[in-house]
Amino acid sequence: MTGLDPVRRLRVMAAGLNAVMYAEAYVEAPFAEVWAVASDLQGELPHLIPTVRAFHVSPGAGDRKHAWAYGPLGHRAWFDVLLQPGWCLMQSRYVVGGMAGVPEGCGTRFAVLGGLRQSGLAPAQGLLRPLGRLRGLRMIDRVGRRTSLRCR
């Protein structure tokens, strides 16, 4: 997908996955500030996603990482994470999630994706898409609010 900016790449990925959740919106904050929040997975992801109680990223340099996600009811999942400026892709055995951002004017175009990796669940994903879009827009709103809190 060379030549596509991170938000367009995430949009293409959402279409290819038939993702439950895809949303993008303009965030009124500079890209560097927004991405500082989005890329702080361990510190911020639990504030951004209500179904994540904790997200522990293994230490190490480089853009490929591993993480454990813990839910509020005690369930957990192991994620492979690719984290680069403007791009975050997180994949477990059953779930794929992503965030992307690009500068746009004085602010940031920001997108989020959430989907299931099981193709047999595709019909259910289609039914959940309107709710998924709403949840995605709420997540983007939380990114904007968390950015405002950090940059005061």
N, C-alpha and C. Protein backbone atom coordinates (compact mmCIF):
# COMPACT_ATOMS: atom_id res chain seq x y z
N MET A 1 0.83 -1.19 0.00
CA MET A 1 0.00 0.00 0.00
C MET A 1 0.87 1.25 0.00
N THR A 2 1.93 1.20 -0.71
CA THR A 2 2.84 2.34 -0.79
C THR A 2 2.13 3.52 -1.44
N GLY A 3 2.50 4.71 -0.99
CA GLY A 3 1.90 5.90 -1.56
C GLY A 3 0.66 6.39 -0.82
N LEU A 4 0.11 5.57 0.04
CA LEU A 4 -1.06 5.98 0.81
C LEU A 4 -0.59 6.50 2.16
N ASP A 5 -1.20 7.60 2.61
CA ASP A 5 -0.87 8.08 3.95
C ASP A 5 -1.49 7.10 4.97
N PRO A 6 -1.07 7.18 6.23
CA PRO A 6 -1.54 6.21 7.23
C PRO A 6 -3.07 6.13 7.37
N VAL A 7 -3.77 7.26 7.30
CA VAL A 7 -5.23 7.22 7.45
C VAL A 7 -5.86 6.50 6.26
N ARG A 8 -5.41 6.79 5.06
CA ARG A 8 -5.94 6.09 3.89
C ARG A 8 -5.63 4.60 3.95
N ARG A 9 -4.42 4.27 4.41
CA ARG A 9 -4.04 2.86 4.55
C ARG A 9 -4.98 2.14 5.53
N LEU A 10 -5.31 2.80 6.66
CA LEU A 10 -6.20 2.20 7.64
C LEU A 10 -7.61 2.05 7.06
N ARG A 11 -8.04 3.02 6.27
CA ARG A 11 -9.36 2.95 5.62
C ARG A 11 -9.43 1.74 4.68
N VAL A 12 -8.37 1.52 3.90
CA VAL A 12 -8.32 0.37 2.99
C VAL A 12 -8.32 -0.92 3.79
N MET A 13 -7.56 -0.96 4.87
CA MET A 13 -7.50 -2.15 5.71
C MET A 13 -8.89 -2.44 6.31
N ALA A 14 -9.59 -1.41 6.76
CA ALA A 14 -10.93 -1.59 7.34
C ALA A 14 -11.88 -2.20 6.30
N ALA A 15 -11.80 -1.73 5.08
CA ALA A 15 -12.66 -2.26 4.02
C ALA A 15 -12.31 -3.72 3.72
N GLY A 16 -11.02 -4.02 3.67
CA GLY A 16 -10.59 -5.38 3.38
C GLY A 16 -10.95 -6.36 4.48
N LEU A 17 -10.94 -5.89 5.72
CA LEU A 17 -11.28 -6.76 6.87
C LEU A 17 -12.79 -6.82 7.12
N ASN A 18 -13.54 -5.97 6.43
CA ASN A 18 -14.97 -5.86 6.73
C ASN A 18 -15.14 -5.52 8.22
N ALA A 19 -14.34 -4.56 8.67
CA ALA A 19 -14.21 -4.25 10.09
C ALA A 19 -15.51 -3.81 10.74
N VAL A 20 -15.68 -4.23 11.98
CA VAL A 20 -16.82 -3.82 12.80
C VAL A 20 -16.76 -2.32 13.06
N MET A 21 -15.55 -1.83 13.33
CA MET A 21 -15.41 -0.41 13.69
C MET A 21 -14.40 0.26 12.79
N TYR A 22 -14.84 1.33 12.16
CA TYR A 22 -13.92 2.24 11.48
C TYR A 22 -14.53 3.63 11.60
N ALA A 23 -13.71 4.56 12.01
CA ALA A 23 -14.16 5.95 12.07
C ALA A 23 -12.94 6.84 11.88
N GLU A 24 -13.18 7.99 11.29
CA GLU A 24 -12.12 8.99 11.21
C GLU A 24 -12.75 10.36 11.38
N ALA A 25 -11.96 11.26 11.92
CA ALA A 25 -12.46 12.61 12.19
C ALA A 25 -11.28 13.55 12.35
N TYR A 26 -11.58 14.82 12.33
CA TYR A 26 -10.58 15.86 12.53
C TYR A 26 -10.45 16.14 14.02
N VAL A 27 -9.22 16.17 14.51
CA VAL A 27 -8.95 16.50 15.91
C VAL A 27 -8.25 17.85 15.91
N GLU A 28 -8.78 18.78 16.68
CA GLU A 28 -8.22 20.14 16.72
C GLU A 28 -7.02 20.22 17.64
N ALA A 29 -5.95 19.57 17.23
CA ALA A 29 -4.67 19.62 17.95
C ALA A 29 -3.59 19.21 16.96
N PRO A 30 -2.39 19.73 17.14
CA PRO A 30 -1.31 19.37 16.22
C PRO A 30 -1.03 17.86 16.24
N PHE A 31 -0.59 17.36 15.10
CA PHE A 31 -0.31 15.93 14.96
C PHE A 31 0.61 15.41 16.06
N ALA A 32 1.70 16.12 16.36
CA ALA A 32 2.67 15.64 17.35
C ALA A 32 2.01 15.43 18.72
N GLU A 33 1.10 16.32 19.09
CA GLU A 33 0.41 16.19 20.38
C GLU A 33 -0.58 15.03 20.37
N VAL A 34 -1.33 14.90 19.28
CA VAL A 34 -2.30 13.80 19.17
C VAL A 34 -1.57 12.47 19.16
N TRP A 35 -0.49 12.39 18.38
CA TRP A 35 0.20 11.11 18.27
C TRP A 35 0.93 10.76 19.57
N ALA A 36 1.32 11.75 20.35
CA ALA A 36 1.93 11.47 21.66
C ALA A 36 0.94 10.71 22.55
N VAL A 37 -0.33 11.05 22.46
CA VAL A 37 -1.36 10.34 23.21
C VAL A 37 -1.61 8.97 22.60
N ALA A 38 -1.85 8.93 21.30
CA ALA A 38 -2.19 7.66 20.64
C ALA A 38 -1.08 6.63 20.76
N SER A 39 0.16 7.05 20.69
CA SER A 39 1.26 6.10 20.71
C SER A 39 1.68 5.68 22.12
N ASP A 40 1.14 6.31 23.14
CA ASP A 40 1.41 5.91 24.52
C ASP A 40 0.42 4.80 24.88
N LEU A 41 0.63 3.65 24.29
CA LEU A 41 -0.32 2.54 24.42
C LEU A 41 -0.52 2.12 25.87
N GLN A 42 0.55 1.97 26.59
CA GLN A 42 0.44 1.51 27.97
C GLN A 42 -0.25 2.54 28.86
N GLY A 43 0.06 3.80 28.67
CA GLY A 43 -0.51 4.85 29.51
C GLY A 43 -1.89 5.29 29.10
N GLU A 44 -2.17 5.31 27.80
CA GLU A 44 -3.41 5.92 27.31
C GLU A 44 -4.48 4.95 26.81
N LEU A 45 -4.11 3.79 26.29
CA LEU A 45 -5.12 2.89 25.71
C LEU A 45 -6.24 2.56 26.68
N PRO A 46 -5.96 2.32 27.98
CA PRO A 46 -7.06 2.07 28.90
C PRO A 46 -8.02 3.27 29.05
N HIS A 47 -7.56 4.48 28.77
CA HIS A 47 -8.44 5.65 28.80
C HIS A 47 -9.23 5.80 27.50
N LEU A 48 -8.72 5.20 26.44
CA LEU A 48 -9.34 5.37 25.12
C LEU A 48 -10.34 4.27 24.78
N ILE A 49 -10.10 3.06 25.30
CA ILE A 49 -10.95 1.91 24.97
C ILE A 49 -11.56 1.37 26.27
N PRO A 50 -12.87 1.50 26.44
CA PRO A 50 -13.51 1.08 27.70
C PRO A 50 -13.34 -0.41 28.02
N THR A 51 -13.13 -1.25 27.02
CA THR A 51 -13.00 -2.69 27.28
C THR A 51 -11.56 -3.10 27.60
N VAL A 52 -10.65 -2.12 27.72
CA VAL A 52 -9.27 -2.40 28.09
C VAL A 52 -9.00 -1.80 29.47
N ARG A 53 -8.73 -2.67 30.45
CA ARG A 53 -8.40 -2.20 31.80
C ARG A 53 -6.93 -1.84 31.90
N ALA A 54 -6.07 -2.64 31.22
CA ALA A 54 -4.63 -2.38 31.22
C ALA A 54 -4.04 -2.91 29.92
N PHE A 55 -2.97 -2.28 29.49
CA PHE A 55 -2.27 -2.70 28.27
C PHE A 55 -0.78 -2.61 28.56
N HIS A 56 -0.14 -3.77 28.75
CA HIS A 56 1.27 -3.81 29.13
C HIS A 56 2.13 -4.14 27.92
N VAL A 57 2.97 -3.20 27.53
CA VAL A 57 3.83 -3.34 26.36
C VAL A 57 5.20 -3.82 26.82
N SER A 58 5.70 -4.87 26.17
CA SER A 58 7.05 -5.37 26.48
C SER A 58 8.07 -4.31 26.13
N PRO A 59 9.07 -4.12 26.98
CA PRO A 59 10.10 -3.11 26.70
C PRO A 59 10.95 -3.52 25.50
N GLY A 60 11.51 -2.54 24.88
CA GLY A 60 12.41 -2.80 23.76
C GLY A 60 12.34 -1.69 22.74
N ALA A 61 13.40 -1.59 21.99
CA ALA A 61 13.48 -0.57 20.94
C ALA A 61 12.85 -1.12 19.67
N GLY A 62 12.67 -0.25 18.73
CA GLY A 62 12.10 -0.67 17.46
C GLY A 62 10.61 -0.46 17.39
N ASP A 63 10.06 -0.66 16.20
CA ASP A 63 8.63 -0.41 16.01
C ASP A 63 7.77 -1.65 16.17
N ARG A 64 8.37 -2.82 16.32
CA ARG A 64 7.60 -4.05 16.55
C ARG A 64 7.67 -4.41 18.03
N LYS A 65 6.50 -4.59 18.62
CA LYS A 65 6.42 -4.85 20.06
C LYS A 65 5.40 -5.95 20.33
N HIS A 66 5.38 -6.39 21.57
CA HIS A 66 4.36 -7.34 22.04
C HIS A 66 3.69 -6.73 23.25
N ALA A 67 2.43 -7.08 23.46
CA ALA A 67 1.70 -6.51 24.58
C ALA A 67 0.63 -7.48 25.06
N TRP A 68 0.30 -7.35 26.35
CA TRP A 68 -0.83 -8.05 26.94
C TRP A 68 -1.93 -7.03 27.18
N ALA A 69 -3.12 -7.33 26.72
CA ALA A 69 -4.29 -6.50 27.01
C ALA A 69 -5.13 -7.24 28.05
N TYR A 70 -5.58 -6.49 29.06
CA TYR A 70 -6.40 -7.05 30.13
C TYR A 70 -7.75 -6.35 30.12
N GLY A 71 -8.81 -7.15 30.13
CA GLY A 71 -10.16 -6.60 30.14
C GLY A 71 -10.68 -6.43 31.54
N PRO A 72 -11.80 -5.72 31.69
CA PRO A 72 -12.36 -5.45 33.02
C PRO A 72 -12.87 -6.70 33.73
N LEU A 73 -13.14 -7.77 32.99
CA LEU A 73 -13.65 -9.00 33.61
C LEU A 73 -12.56 -10.05 33.79
N GLY A 74 -11.30 -9.64 33.61
CA GLY A 74 -10.18 -10.55 33.85
C GLY A 74 -9.66 -11.27 32.62
N HIS A 75 -10.33 -11.15 31.48
CA HIS A 75 -9.80 -11.82 30.29
C HIS A 75 -8.56 -11.07 29.78
N ARG A 76 -7.71 -11.78 29.04
CA ARG A 76 -6.50 -11.15 28.54
C ARG A 76 -6.19 -11.68 27.14
N ALA A 77 -5.40 -10.92 26.41
CA ALA A 77 -5.02 -11.31 25.06
C ALA A 77 -3.62 -10.80 24.76
N TRP A 78 -2.88 -11.59 24.02
CA TRP A 78 -1.51 -11.27 23.59
C TRP A 78 -1.59 -10.59 22.24
N PHE A 79 -0.94 -9.45 22.09
CA PHE A 79 -0.97 -8.69 20.85
C PHE A 79 0.41 -8.51 20.26
N ASP A 80 0.51 -8.64 18.95
CA ASP A 80 1.67 -8.18 18.20
C ASP A 80 1.34 -6.75 17.81
N VAL A 81 2.29 -5.85 18.02
CA VAL A 81 2.05 -4.42 17.79
C VAL A 81 3.10 -3.87 16.82
N LEU A 82 2.64 -3.13 15.84
CA LEU A 82 3.51 -2.37 14.96
C LEU A 82 3.19 -0.90 15.22
N LEU A 83 4.17 -0.17 15.74
CA LEU A 83 3.96 1.22 16.13
C LEU A 83 5.00 2.09 15.44
N GLN A 84 4.52 2.96 14.55
CA GLN A 84 5.35 3.90 13.81
C GLN A 84 4.69 5.26 13.87
N PRO A 85 5.42 6.33 13.54
CA PRO A 85 4.78 7.65 13.54
C PRO A 85 3.54 7.67 12.63
N GLY A 86 2.40 7.95 13.23
CA GLY A 86 1.14 8.02 12.48
C GLY A 86 0.47 6.69 12.22
N TRP A 87 1.04 5.59 12.72
CA TRP A 87 0.49 4.26 12.40
C TRP A 87 0.65 3.33 13.60
N CYS A 88 -0.44 2.68 13.97
CA CYS A 88 -0.40 1.67 15.01
C CYS A 88 -1.33 0.53 14.59
N LEU A 89 -0.78 -0.67 14.52
CA LEU A 89 -1.57 -1.85 14.21
C LEU A 89 -1.33 -2.87 15.31
N MET A 90 -2.42 -3.35 15.92
CA MET A 90 -2.34 -4.30 17.02
C MET A 90 -3.18 -5.52 16.65
N GLN A 91 -2.56 -6.71 16.72
CA GLN A 91 -3.27 -7.92 16.32
C GLN A 91 -3.10 -9.02 17.36
N SER A 92 -4.22 -9.60 17.75
CA SER A 92 -4.20 -10.78 18.59
C SER A 92 -4.72 -11.94 17.74
N ARG A 93 -4.93 -13.06 18.38
CA ARG A 93 -5.44 -14.22 17.65
C ARG A 93 -6.84 -13.95 17.06
N TYR A 94 -7.64 -13.15 17.76
CA TYR A 94 -9.03 -12.95 17.36
C TYR A 94 -9.37 -11.53 16.92
N VAL A 95 -8.55 -10.56 17.31
CA VAL A 95 -8.90 -9.15 17.14
C VAL A 95 -7.79 -8.41 16.41
N VAL A 96 -8.19 -7.43 15.62
CA VAL A 96 -7.24 -6.50 15.03
C VAL A 96 -7.72 -5.09 15.37
N GLY A 97 -6.79 -4.24 15.75
CA GLY A 97 -7.12 -2.86 16.07
C GLY A 97 -6.07 -1.95 15.48
N GLY A 98 -6.46 -0.75 15.17
CA GLY A 98 -5.48 0.17 14.60
C GLY A 98 -5.85 1.61 14.84
N MET A 99 -4.84 2.45 14.75
CA MET A 99 -5.00 3.89 14.83
C MET A 99 -4.06 4.50 13.81
N ALA A 100 -4.49 5.61 13.22
CA ALA A 100 -3.64 6.30 12.25
C ALA A 100 -3.91 7.79 12.36
N GLY A 101 -2.89 8.57 12.07
CA GLY A 101 -3.05 10.02 12.10
C GLY A 101 -2.14 10.68 11.09
N VAL A 102 -2.61 11.80 10.56
CA VAL A 102 -1.82 12.62 9.65
C VAL A 102 -2.13 14.08 9.94
N PRO A 103 -1.13 14.95 9.75
CA PRO A 103 -1.41 16.38 9.90
C PRO A 103 -2.45 16.82 8.86
N GLU A 104 -3.36 17.70 9.29
CA GLU A 104 -4.34 18.28 8.37
C GLU A 104 -4.58 19.71 8.82
N GLY A 105 -4.12 20.66 8.03
CA GLY A 105 -4.24 22.05 8.43
C GLY A 105 -3.51 22.27 9.74
N CYS A 106 -4.19 22.89 10.70
CA CYS A 106 -3.60 23.13 12.02
C CYS A 106 -3.84 21.97 12.98
N GLY A 107 -4.55 20.95 12.52
CA GLY A 107 -4.90 19.83 13.38
C GLY A 107 -4.45 18.51 12.82
N THR A 108 -5.25 17.49 13.12
CA THR A 108 -4.90 16.11 12.77
C THR A 108 -6.12 15.37 12.25
N ARG A 109 -5.96 14.65 11.17
CA ARG A 109 -6.97 13.69 10.71
C ARG A 109 -6.61 12.39 11.41
N PHE A 110 -7.54 11.85 12.19
CA PHE A 110 -7.27 10.67 13.02
C PHE A 110 -8.29 9.59 12.72
N ALA A 111 -7.85 8.35 12.67
CA ALA A 111 -8.75 7.23 12.36
C ALA A 111 -8.49 6.07 13.31
N VAL A 112 -9.53 5.29 13.55
CA VAL A 112 -9.44 4.09 14.37
C VAL A 112 -10.14 2.94 13.67
N LEU A 113 -9.65 1.75 13.95
CA LEU A 113 -10.19 0.53 13.35
C LEU A 113 -10.29 -0.54 14.41
N GLY A 114 -11.31 -1.34 14.36
CA GLY A 114 -11.45 -2.50 15.22
C GLY A 114 -12.19 -3.59 14.47
N GLY A 115 -11.66 -4.78 14.49
CA GLY A 115 -12.33 -5.86 13.77
C GLY A 115 -11.99 -7.21 14.34
N LEU A 116 -12.72 -8.19 13.87
CA LEU A 116 -12.52 -9.57 14.28
C LEU A 116 -11.78 -10.28 13.16
N ARG A 117 -10.86 -11.16 13.52
CA ARG A 117 -10.07 -11.87 12.51
C ARG A 117 -10.75 -13.13 12.03
N GLN A 118 -11.87 -13.51 12.59
CA GLN A 118 -12.56 -14.75 12.22
C GLN A 118 -13.53 -14.47 11.07
N SER A 119 -13.25 -15.01 9.89
CA SER A 119 -14.08 -14.72 8.72
C SER A 119 -15.52 -15.24 8.87
N GLY A 120 -15.72 -16.27 9.68
CA GLY A 120 -17.07 -16.80 9.89
C GLY A 120 -17.99 -15.83 10.60
N LEU A 121 -17.43 -14.80 11.19
CA LEU A 121 -18.23 -13.81 11.91
C LEU A 121 -18.55 -12.58 11.06
N ALA A 122 -18.20 -12.61 9.78
CA ALA A 122 -18.41 -11.46 8.90
C ALA A 122 -19.86 -10.97 8.87
N PRO A 123 -20.87 -11.86 8.80
CA PRO A 123 -22.25 -11.36 8.80
C PRO A 123 -22.60 -10.56 10.05
N ALA A 124 -22.12 -11.03 11.20
CA ALA A 124 -22.39 -10.31 12.45
C ALA A 124 -21.68 -8.96 12.45
N GLN A 125 -20.48 -8.91 11.88
CA GLN A 125 -19.74 -7.65 11.84
C GLN A 125 -20.52 -6.59 11.06
N GLY A 126 -21.15 -6.99 9.97
CA GLY A 126 -21.94 -6.05 9.18
C GLY A 126 -23.09 -5.45 9.98
N LEU A 127 -23.72 -6.27 10.80
CA LEU A 127 -24.83 -5.78 11.63
C LEU A 127 -24.36 -4.82 12.71
N LEU A 128 -23.14 -5.02 13.18
CA LEU A 128 -22.61 -4.20 14.26
C LEU A 128 -21.93 -2.91 13.78
N ARG A 129 -21.75 -2.76 12.48
CA ARG A 129 -21.00 -1.62 11.95
C ARG A 129 -21.54 -0.26 12.37
N PRO A 130 -22.85 0.01 12.36
CA PRO A 130 -23.31 1.35 12.81
C PRO A 130 -22.92 1.64 14.26
N LEU A 131 -23.03 0.65 15.13
CA LEU A 131 -22.61 0.82 16.52
C LEU A 131 -21.09 0.99 16.59
N GLY A 132 -20.37 0.26 15.76
CA GLY A 132 -18.92 0.36 15.72
C GLY A 132 -18.46 1.74 15.32
N ARG A 133 -19.12 2.32 14.34
CA ARG A 133 -18.74 3.67 13.91
C ARG A 133 -18.94 4.67 15.05
N LEU A 134 -20.05 4.54 15.75
CA LEU A 134 -20.32 5.42 16.89
C LEU A 134 -19.26 5.24 17.96
N ARG A 135 -18.89 4.00 18.27
CA ARG A 135 -17.84 3.74 19.26
C ARG A 135 -16.50 4.30 18.80
N GLY A 136 -16.23 4.20 17.49
CA GLY A 136 -14.99 4.75 16.95
C GLY A 136 -14.93 6.26 17.09
N LEU A 137 -16.05 6.93 16.80
CA LEU A 137 -16.09 8.39 16.94
C LEU A 137 -15.92 8.80 18.40
N ARG A 138 -16.48 8.01 19.31
CA ARG A 138 -16.29 8.30 20.74
C ARG A 138 -14.83 8.14 21.13
N MET A 139 -14.17 7.13 20.57
CA MET A 139 -12.75 6.94 20.87
C MET A 139 -11.94 8.13 20.36
N ILE A 140 -12.24 8.59 19.17
CA ILE A 140 -11.53 9.75 18.62
C ILE A 140 -11.77 10.97 19.50
N ASP A 141 -12.99 11.13 19.98
CA ASP A 141 -13.29 12.23 20.90
C ASP A 141 -12.44 12.11 22.17
N ARG A 142 -12.31 10.89 22.69
CA ARG A 142 -11.47 10.69 23.88
C ARG A 142 -10.01 11.02 23.59
N VAL A 143 -9.53 10.69 22.39
CA VAL A 143 -8.16 11.05 22.01
C VAL A 143 -8.00 12.57 22.06
N GLY A 144 -8.97 13.29 21.52
CA GLY A 144 -8.92 14.76 21.56
C GLY A 144 -8.92 15.30 22.98
N ARG A 145 -9.77 14.74 23.83
CA ARG A 145 -9.82 15.20 25.23
C ARG A 145 -8.55 14.86 25.98
N ARG A 146 -8.00 13.66 25.78
CA ARG A 146 -6.75 13.27 26.44
C ARG A 146 -5.59 14.15 25.95
N THR A 147 -5.63 14.52 24.68
CA THR A 147 -4.60 15.41 24.15
C THR A 147 -4.68 16.76 24.82
N SER A 148 -5.89 17.30 24.97
CA SER A 148 -6.07 18.58 25.65
C SER A 148 -5.57 18.53 27.09
N LEU A 149 -5.84 17.44 27.79
CA LEU A 149 -5.39 17.31 29.18
C LEU A 149 -3.86 17.28 29.27
N ARG A 150 -3.23 16.59 28.36
CA ARG A 150 -1.76 16.48 28.38
C ARG A 150 -1.07 17.80 28.03
N CYS A 151 -1.70 18.58 27.19
CA CYS A 151 -1.03 19.76 26.64
C CYS A 151 -1.42 21.06 27.34
N ARG A 152 -2.04 20.98 28.47
CA ARG A 152 -2.41 22.20 29.20
C ARG A 152 -1.24 22.76 29.93
